[in-house]
PDB file of N, CA and C in Angstrom:
ATOM      1  N   UNK A   1       4.809  15.857 -77.216  1.00  0.00           N
ATOM      2  CA  UNK A   1       6.323  16.176 -76.749  1.00  0.00           C
ATOM      3  C   UNK A   1       7.019  14.908 -76.260  1.00  0.00           C
ATOM      4  N   UNK A   2       7.945  14.418 -76.771  1.00  0.00           N
ATOM      5  CA  UNK A   2       8.733  13.117 -76.303  1.00  0.00           C
ATOM      6  C   UNK A   2      10.126  13.620 -75.705  1.00  0.00           C
ATOM      7  N   UNK A   3      10.136  13.279 -74.466  1.00  0.00           N
ATOM      8  CA  UNK A   3      11.277  13.926 -73.748  1.00  0.00           C
ATOM      9  C   UNK A   3      12.254  12.716 -73.273  1.00  0.00           C
ATOM     10  N   UNK A   4      13.544  13.189 -73.149  1.00  0.00           N
ATOM     11  CA  UNK A   4      14.551  12.166 -72.823  1.00  0.00           C
ATOM     12  C   UNK A   4      15.558  12.919 -72.083  1.00  0.00           C
ATOM     13  N   UNK A   5      16.565  12.134 -71.261  1.00  0.00           N
ATOM     14  CA  UNK A   5      17.568  12.937 -70.527  1.00  0.00           C
ATOM     15  C   UNK A   5      18.787  12.919 -71.231  1.00  0.00           C
ATOM     16  N   UNK A   6      19.560  13.940 -71.477  1.00  0.00           N
ATOM     17  CA  UNK A   6      20.708  14.023 -72.197  1.00  0.00           C
ATOM     18  C   UNK A   6      21.845  14.871 -71.377  1.00  0.00           C
ATOM     19  N   UNK A   7      22.970  14.513 -71.802  1.00  0.00           N
ATOM     20  CA  UNK A   7      24.183  15.122 -71.100  1.00  0.00           C
ATOM     21  C   UNK A   7      24.708  16.015 -71.993  1.00  0.00           C
ATOM     22  N   UNK A   8      24.849  17.334 -71.514  1.00  0.00           N
ATOM     23  CA  UNK A   8      25.144  18.474 -72.260  1.00  0.00           C
ATOM     24  C   UNK A   8      26.525  18.854 -71.831  1.00  0.00           C
ATOM     25  N   UNK A   9      27.487  19.246 -72.804  1.00  0.00           N
ATOM     26  CA  UNK A   9      28.831  19.446 -72.503  1.00  0.00           C
ATOM     27  C   UNK A   9      29.144  20.881 -72.541  1.00  0.00           C
ATOM     28  N   UNK A  10      28.441  21.625 -73.480  1.00  0.00           N
ATOM     29  CA  UNK A  10      28.666  23.029 -73.721  1.00  0.00           C
ATOM     30  C   UNK A  10      27.422  23.771 -73.601  1.00  0.00           C
ATOM     31  N   UNK A  11      27.351  25.212 -72.957  1.00  0.00           N
ATOM     32  CA  UNK A  11      28.522  25.685 -72.437  1.00  0.00           C
ATOM     33  C   UNK A  11      28.786  25.430 -71.050  1.00  0.00           C
ATOM     34  N   UNK A  12      28.061  24.643 -70.358  1.00  0.00           N
ATOM     35  CA  UNK A  12      28.407  24.308 -69.081  1.00  0.00           C
ATOM     36  C   UNK A  12      27.948  22.607 -68.896  1.00  0.00           C
ATOM     37  N   UNK A  13      28.548  21.864 -68.455  1.00  0.00           N
ATOM     38  CA  UNK A  13      28.284  20.428 -68.281  1.00  0.00           C
ATOM     39  C   UNK A  13      26.890  20.270 -67.550  1.00  0.00           C
ATOM     40  N   UNK A  14      25.913  19.583 -67.899  1.00  0.00           N
ATOM     41  CA  UNK A  14      24.695  19.406 -67.334  1.00  0.00           C
ATOM     42  C   UNK A  14      23.877  18.270 -67.759  1.00  0.00           C
ATOM     43  N   UNK A  15      22.972  17.781 -66.798  1.00  0.00           N
ATOM     44  CA  UNK A  15      21.811  17.073 -67.340  1.00  0.00           C
ATOM     45  C   UNK A  15      20.745  17.797 -67.899  1.00  0.00           C
ATOM     46  N   UNK A  16      20.115  17.579 -69.113  1.00  0.00           N
ATOM     47  CA  UNK A  16      19.105  18.338 -69.440  1.00  0.00           C
ATOM     48  C   UNK A  16      18.063  17.337 -69.950  1.00  0.00           C
ATOM     49  N   UNK A  17      16.912  17.987 -70.020  1.00  0.00           N
ATOM     50  CA  UNK A  17      15.545  17.424 -70.399  1.00  0.00           C
ATOM     51  C   UNK A  17      15.346  17.970 -71.754  1.00  0.00           C
ATOM     52  N   UNK A  18      15.271  17.134 -72.931  1.00  0.00           N
ATOM     53  CA  UNK A  18      15.305  17.548 -74.113  1.00  0.00           C
ATOM     54  C   UNK A  18      13.976  16.842 -74.962  1.00  0.00           C
ATOM     55  N   UNK A  19      13.714  17.644 -76.006  1.00  0.00           N
ATOM     56  CA  UNK A  19      12.634  16.951 -76.860  1.00  0.00           C
ATOM     57  C   UNK A  19      13.251  16.039 -77.811  1.00  0.00           C
ATOM     58  N   UNK A  20      12.361  15.044 -78.305  1.00  0.00           N
ATOM     59  CA  UNK A  20      13.026  14.197 -79.397  1.00  0.00           C
ATOM     60  C   UNK A  20      12.179  14.134 -80.598  1.00  0.00           C
ATOM     61  N   UNK A  21      12.422  13.789 -81.743  1.00  0.00           N
ATOM     62  CA  UNK A  21      11.492  13.709 -82.798  1.00  0.00           C
ATOM     63  C   UNK A  21      10.535  12.830 -82.687  1.00  0.00           C
ATOM     64  N   UNK A  22       9.480  13.026 -83.358  1.00  0.00           N
ATOM     65  CA  UNK A  22       8.398  11.981 -83.303  1.00  0.00           C
ATOM     66  C   UNK A  22       8.518  10.766 -84.157  1.00  0.00           C
ATOM     67  N   UNK A  23       8.529   9.493 -83.513  1.00  0.00           N
ATOM     68  CA  UNK A  23       9.034   8.333 -84.145  1.00  0.00           C
ATOM     69  C   UNK A  23       8.218   7.949 -85.465  1.00  0.00           C
ATOM     70  N   UNK A  24       6.910   8.275 -85.308  1.00  0.00           N
ATOM     71  CA  UNK A  24       6.048   7.883 -86.628  1.00  0.00           C
ATOM     72  C   UNK A  24       5.836   9.165 -87.581  1.00  0.00           C
ATOM     73  N   UNK A  25       6.584  10.118 -87.571  1.00  0.00           N
ATOM     74  CA  UNK A  25       6.416  11.115 -88.536  1.00  0.00           C
ATOM     75  C   UNK A  25       6.646  10.851 -89.917  1.00  0.00           C
ATOM     76  N   UNK A  26       5.578  11.171 -90.760  1.00  0.00           N
ATOM     77  CA  UNK A  26       5.623  10.790 -92.119  1.00  0.00           C
ATOM     78  C   UNK A  26       6.550  11.608 -92.986  1.00  0.00           C
ATOM     79  N   UNK A  27       6.989  12.712 -92.533  1.00  0.00           N
ATOM     80  CA  UNK A  27       8.030  13.641 -93.204  1.00  0.00           C
ATOM     81  C   UNK A  27       9.440  13.388 -93.016  1.00  0.00           C
ATOM     82  N   UNK A  28       9.641  12.915 -91.819  1.00  0.00           N
ATOM     83  CA  UNK A  28      11.096  12.655 -91.628  1.00  0.00           C
ATOM     84  C   UNK A  28      11.475  11.242 -91.172  1.00  0.00           C
ATOM     85  N   UNK A  29      10.315  10.482 -90.921  1.00  0.00           N
ATOM     86  CA  UNK A  29      10.527   9.056 -90.544  1.00  0.00           C
ATOM     87  C   UNK A  29      11.167   8.808 -89.284  1.00  0.00           C
ATOM     88  N   UNK A  30      11.048   9.973 -88.405  1.00  0.00           N
ATOM     89  CA  UNK A  30      11.573   9.825 -86.946  1.00  0.00           C
ATOM     90  C   UNK A  30      13.028  10.299 -86.738  1.00  0.00           C
ATOM     91  N   UNK A  31      13.652  10.789 -87.958  1.00  0.00           N
ATOM     92  CA  UNK A  31      15.060  11.249 -87.849  1.00  0.00           C
ATOM     93  C   UNK A  31      15.191  12.747 -87.408  1.00  0.00           C
ATOM     94  N   UNK A  32      14.023  13.357 -87.523  1.00  0.00           N
ATOM     95  CA  UNK A  32      14.157  14.857 -87.058  1.00  0.00           C
ATOM     96  C   UNK A  32      14.573  15.882 -88.266  1.00  0.00           C
ATOM     97  N   UNK A  33      14.587  15.477 -89.323  1.00  0.00           N
ATOM     98  CA  UNK A  33      14.906  16.333 -90.333  1.00  0.00           C
ATOM     99  C   UNK A  33      15.596  15.500 -91.679  1.00  0.00           C
ATOM    100  N   UNK A  34      16.106  16.342 -92.630  1.00  0.00           N
ATOM    101  CA  UNK A  34      16.750  15.751 -93.600  1.00  0.00           C
ATOM    102  C   UNK A  34      18.157  16.373 -94.019  1.00  0.00           C
ATOM    103  N   UNK A  35      18.952  15.468 -94.406  1.00  0.00           N
ATOM    104  CA  UNK A  35      20.380  16.069 -94.778  1.00  0.00           C
ATOM    105  C   UNK A  35      20.112  16.578 -96.230  1.00  0.00           C
ATOM    106  N   UNK A  36      20.822  17.489 -96.710  1.00  0.00           N
ATOM    107  CA  UNK A  36      20.785  18.077 -97.950  1.00  0.00           C
ATOM    108  C   UNK A  36      22.077  18.338 -98.462  1.00  0.00           C
ATOM    109  N   UNK A  37      22.817  17.729 -99.143  1.00  0.00           N
ATOM    110  CA  UNK A  37      24.183  17.825 -99.839  1.00  0.00           C
ATOM    111  C   UNK A  37      24.130  19.105-100.807  1.00  0.00           C
ATOM    112  N   UNK A  38      25.259  19.848-100.807  1.00  0.00           N
ATOM    113  CA  UNK A  38      25.444  20.988-101.656  1.00  0.00           C
ATOM    114  C   UNK A  38      26.857  21.104-102.325  1.00  0.00           C
ATOM    115  N   UNK A  39      26.814  21.714-103.406  1.00  0.00           N
ATOM    116  CA  UNK A  39      28.207  21.740-104.036  1.00  0.00           C
ATOM    117  C   UNK A  39      28.737  23.323-103.886  1.00  0.00           C
ATOM    118  N   UNK A  40      30.033  23.250-104.321  1.00  0.00           N
ATOM    119  CA  UNK A  40      30.504  24.764-104.232  1.00  0.00           C
ATOM    120  C   UNK A  40      30.043  25.406-105.641  1.00  0.00           C
ATOM    121  N   UNK A  41      29.746  26.797-105.400  1.00  0.00           N
ATOM    122  CA  UNK A  41      29.016  27.384-106.431  1.00  0.00           C
ATOM    123  C   UNK A  41      29.958  27.576-107.571  1.00  0.00           C
ATOM    124  N   UNK A  42      31.324  27.399-107.736  1.00  0.00           N
ATOM    125  CA  UNK A  42      31.902  27.591-109.039  1.00  0.00           C
ATOM    126  C   UNK A  42      32.399  26.339-109.525  1.00  0.00           C
ATOM    127  N   UNK A  43      32.685  25.315-108.800  1.00  0.00           N
ATOM    128  CA  UNK A  43      33.362  24.228-109.292  1.00  0.00           C
ATOM    129  C   UNK A  43      32.125  23.050-109.351  1.00  0.00           C
ATOM    130  N   UNK A  44      31.130  23.180-108.661  1.00  0.00           N
ATOM    131  CA  UNK A  44      30.191  22.204-108.473  1.00  0.00           C
ATOM    132  C   UNK A  44      30.507  20.734-107.535  1.00  0.00           C
ATOM    133  N   UNK A  45      31.645  20.836-107.050  1.00  0.00           N
ATOM    134  CA  UNK A  45      32.229  19.709-106.187  1.00  0.00           C
ATOM    135  C   UNK A  45      31.447  19.802-105.023  1.00  0.00           C
ATOM    136  N   UNK A  46      31.311  18.617-104.293  1.00  0.00           N
ATOM    137  CA  UNK A  46      30.718  18.394-102.997  1.00  0.00           C
ATOM    138  C   UNK A  46      31.435  19.376-101.985  1.00  0.00           C
ATOM    139  N   UNK A  47      30.494  20.157-101.273  1.00  0.00           N
ATOM    140  CA  UNK A  47      31.165  21.338-100.392  1.00  0.00           C
ATOM    141  C   UNK A  47      30.622  21.146 -99.131  1.00  0.00           C
ATOM    142  N   UNK A  48      29.683  20.058 -98.723  1.00  0.00           N
ATOM    143  CA  UNK A  48      29.179  19.964 -97.387  1.00  0.00           C
ATOM    144  C   UNK A  48      27.687  19.498 -97.490  1.00  0.00           C
ATOM    145  N   UNK A  49      27.134  19.441 -96.112  1.00  0.00           N
ATOM    146  CA  UNK A  49      25.745  19.014 -96.031  1.00  0.00           C
ATOM    147  C   UNK A  49      25.006  20.008 -94.964  1.00  0.00           C
ATOM    148  N   UNK A  50      23.743  20.363 -95.367  1.00  0.00           N
ATOM    149  CA  UNK A  50      22.924  21.118 -94.705  1.00  0.00           C
ATOM    150  C   UNK A  50      21.966  20.182 -94.104  1.00  0.00           C
ATOM    151  N   UNK A  51      21.409  20.493 -92.627  1.00  0.00           N
ATOM    152  CA  UNK A  51      20.264  19.821 -92.125  1.00  0.00           C
ATOM    153  C   UNK A  51      19.274  20.619 -92.030  1.00  0.00           C
ATOM    154  N   UNK A  52      18.025  20.124 -92.563  1.00  0.00           N
ATOM    155  CA  UNK A  52      16.869  20.803 -92.684  1.00  0.00           C
ATOM    156  C   UNK A  52      15.807  20.276 -91.456  1.00  0.00           C
ATOM    157  N   UNK A  53      15.705  20.981 -90.487  1.00  0.00           N
ATOM    158  CA  UNK A  53      14.926  20.220 -89.442  1.00  0.00           C
ATOM    159  C   UNK A  53      13.568  19.986 -89.774  1.00  0.00           C
ATOM    160  N   UNK A  54      12.711  18.905 -89.177  1.00  0.00           N
ATOM    161  CA  UNK A  54      11.358  18.661 -89.634  1.00  0.00           C
ATOM    162  C   UNK A  54      10.428  19.438 -88.585  1.00  0.00           C
ATOM    163  N   UNK A  55       9.413  19.908 -88.934  1.00  0.00           N
ATOM    164  CA  UNK A  55       8.537  20.642 -87.936  1.00  0.00           C
ATOM    165  C   UNK A  55       7.995  19.826 -86.690  1.00  0.00           C
ATOM    166  N   UNK A  56       8.120  18.512 -86.531  1.00  0.00           N
ATOM    167  CA  UNK A  56       7.556  17.671 -85.670  1.00  0.00           C
ATOM    168  C   UNK A  56       8.658  17.791 -84.421  1.00  0.00           C
ATOM    169  N   UNK A  57       9.912  18.388 -84.543  1.00  0.00           N
ATOM    170  CA  UNK A  57      10.816  18.435 -83.557  1.00  0.00           C
ATOM    171  C   UNK A  57      11.465  19.816 -83.433  1.00  0.00           C
ATOM    172  N   UNK A  58      11.645  20.267 -82.221  1.00  0.00           N
ATOM    173  CA  UNK A  58      12.346  21.445 -81.912  1.00  0.00           C
ATOM    174  C   UNK A  58      13.347  21.365 -81.077  1.00  0.00           C
ATOM    175  N   UNK A  59      14.594  21.419 -81.445  1.00  0.00           N
ATOM    176  CA  UNK A  59      15.801  20.980 -80.769  1.00  0.00           C
ATOM    177  C   UNK A  59      16.260  22.106 -79.815  1.00  0.00           C
ATOM    178  N   UNK A  60      15.513  23.272 -79.732  1.00  0.00           N
ATOM    179  CA  UNK A  60      15.795  24.148 -78.938  1.00  0.00           C
ATOM    180  C   UNK A  60      15.065  24.118 -77.543  1.00  0.00           C
ATOM    181  N   UNK A  61      14.208  23.104 -77.587  1.00  0.00           N
ATOM    182  CA  UNK A  61      13.289  22.941 -76.428  1.00  0.00           C
ATOM    183  C   UNK A  61      14.086  22.128 -75.443  1.00  0.00           C
ATOM    184  N   UNK A  62      14.699  22.755 -74.374  1.00  0.00           N
ATOM    185  CA  UNK A  62      15.509  21.972 -73.470  1.00  0.00           C
ATOM    186  C   UNK A  62      15.192  22.628 -71.969  1.00  0.00           C
ATOM    187  N   UNK A  63      15.574  21.836 -71.019  1.00  0.00           N
ATOM    188  CA  UNK A  63      15.301  22.383 -69.587  1.00  0.00           C
ATOM    189  C   UNK A  63      16.412  21.662 -68.954  1.00  0.00           C
ATOM    190  N   UNK A  64      17.199  22.608 -68.096  1.00  0.00           N
ATOM    191  CA  UNK A  64      18.395  21.953 -67.195  1.00  0.00           C
ATOM    192  C   UNK A  64      17.813  21.398 -66.057  1.00  0.00           C
ATOM    193  N   UNK A  65      18.205  20.031 -65.793  1.00  0.00           N
ATOM    194  CA  UNK A  65      17.718  19.369 -64.723  1.00  0.00           C
ATOM    195  C   UNK A  65      18.898  19.392 -63.418  1.00  0.00           C
ATOM    196  N   UNK A  66      20.033  19.352 -63.802  1.00  0.00           N
ATOM    197  CA  UNK A  66      21.349  19.290 -63.024  1.00  0.00           C
ATOM    198  C   UNK A  66      22.494  19.681 -63.519  1.00  0.00           C
ATOM    199  N   UNK A  67      22.925  20.886 -62.954  1.00  0.00           N
ATOM    200  CA  UNK A  67      24.362  21.405 -63.449  1.00  0.00           C
ATOM    201  C   UNK A  67      25.381  20.358 -62.890  1.00  0.00           C
ATOM    202  N   UNK A  68      26.307  19.989 -63.702  1.00  0.00           N
ATOM    203  CA  UNK A  68      27.306  18.997 -63.241  1.00  0.00           C
ATOM    204  C   UNK A  68      28.712  19.783 -63.119  1.00  0.00           C
ATOM    205  N   UNK A  69      29.497  19.301 -62.216  1.00  0.00           N
ATOM    206  CA  UNK A  69      30.722  20.022 -62.029  1.00  0.00           C
ATOM    207  C   UNK A  69      31.697  19.829 -63.153  1.00  0.00           C
ATOM    208  N   UNK A  70      32.495  20.849 -63.277  1.00  0.00           N
ATOM    209  CA  UNK A  70      33.613  20.734 -64.348  1.00  0.00           C
ATOM    210  C   UNK A  70      34.793  19.759 -63.652  1.00  0.00           C
ATOM    211  N   UNK A  71      35.360  18.995 -64.621  1.00  0.00           N
ATOM    212  CA  UNK A  71      36.268  17.931 -64.187  1.00  0.00           C
ATOM    213  C   UNK A  71      37.759  18.596 -64.479  1.00  0.00           C
ATOM    214  N   UNK A  72      38.511  18.717 -63.790  1.00  0.00           N
ATOM    215  CA  UNK A  72      39.669  19.104 -64.034  1.00  0.00           C
ATOM    216  C   UNK A  72      40.576  18.015 -64.751  1.00  0.00           C
ATOM    217  N   UNK A  73      41.513  18.539 -65.735  1.00  0.00           N
ATOM    218  CA  UNK A  73      42.339  17.551 -66.616  1.00  0.00           C
ATOM    219  C   UNK A  73      43.453  17.028 -65.546  1.00  0.00           C
ATOM    220  N   UNK A  74      43.814  15.705 -65.594  1.00  0.00           N
ATOM    221  CA  UNK A  74      44.668  15.267 -64.798  1.00  0.00           C
ATOM    222  C   UNK A  74      45.979  15.376 -65.380  1.00  0.00           C
ATOM    223  N   UNK A  75      46.911  15.713 -64.664  1.00  0.00           N
ATOM    224  CA  UNK A  75      48.379  15.962 -65.384  1.00  0.00           C
ATOM    225  C   UNK A  75      49.234  14.775 -64.667  1.00  0.00           C
ATOM    226  N   UNK A  76      50.347  14.536 -65.462  1.00  0.00           N
ATOM    227  CA  UNK A  76      51.290  13.609 -64.708  1.00  0.00           C
ATOM    228  C   UNK A  76      51.743  14.080 -63.569  1.00  0.00           C
ATOM    229  N   UNK A  77      51.944  13.311 -62.330  1.00  0.00           N
ATOM    230  CA  UNK A  77      52.331  13.791 -61.177  1.00  0.00           C
ATOM    231  C   UNK A  77      53.860  13.677 -61.371  1.00  0.00           C
ATOM    232  N   UNK A  78      54.663  14.303 -60.400  1.00  0.00           N
ATOM    233  CA  UNK A  78      56.037  14.238 -60.547  1.00  0.00           C
ATOM    234  C   UNK A  78      56.405  12.942 -60.064  1.00  0.00           C
ATOM    235  N   UNK A  79      55.833  12.262 -59.258  1.00  0.00           N
ATOM    236  CA  UNK A  79      56.181  10.978 -58.880  1.00  0.00           C
ATOM    237  C   UNK A  79      56.180   9.965 -59.853  1.00  0.00           C
ATOM    238  N   UNK A  80      55.293   9.967 -60.899  1.00  0.00           N
ATOM    239  CA  UNK A  80      55.302   9.141 -61.964  1.00  0.00           C
ATOM    240  C   UNK A  80      55.934   9.456 -63.203  1.00  0.00           C
ATOM    241  N   UNK A  81      56.156   8.428 -63.971  1.00  0.00           N
ATOM    242  CA  UNK A  81      57.096   8.529 -65.286  1.00  0.00           C
ATOM    243  C   UNK A  81      56.022   8.329 -66.407  1.00  0.00           C
ATOM    244  N   UNK A  82      56.101   9.010 -67.387  1.00  0.00           N
ATOM    245  CA  UNK A  82      55.321   8.560 -68.506  1.00  0.00           C
ATOM    246  C   UNK A  82      56.027   7.753 -69.646  1.00  0.00           C
ATOM    247  N   UNK A  83      57.369   7.394 -69.182  1.00  0.00           N
ATOM    248  CA  UNK A  83      58.112   6.552 -70.200  1.00  0.00           C
ATOM    249  C   UNK A  83      57.642   5.165 -70.038  1.00  0.00           C
ATOM    250  N   UNK A  84      57.859   4.368 -71.078  1.00  0.00           N
ATOM    251  CA  UNK A  84      57.510   3.021 -71.016  1.00  0.00           C
ATOM    252  C   UNK A  84      58.784   2.144 -70.306  1.00  0.00           C
ATOM    253  N   UNK A  85      58.472   1.040 -69.658  1.00  0.00           N
ATOM    254  CA  UNK A  85      59.326   0.392 -68.739  1.00  0.00           C
ATOM    255  C   UNK A  85      60.336  -0.218 -69.430  1.00  0.00           C
ATOM    256  N   UNK A  86      60.534  -0.437 -70.682  1.00  0.00           N
ATOM    257  CA  UNK A  86      61.583  -1.029 -71.329  1.00  0.00           C
ATOM    258  C   UNK A  86      62.510  -0.121 -71.903  1.00  0.00           C
TER     259      UNK A  86
END
């Protein structure tokens, strides 16, 4: 298990401890998986990319260390103008 600290923004902001892919993995070369392009079934044109995860890594293995407060959006105060000065 290779752990690192990561900031999570959804469903609630928090600092989490998460697993990372094995750097010397022979199957994924440390990337954690393989991208696989696929085409539209009728036209054959590019339609997106699937991510096939490697067994050396489990991205669901996380632990919350510290919940972070939600920051409110700042709005323009009535005393300040958003107009340019010219």
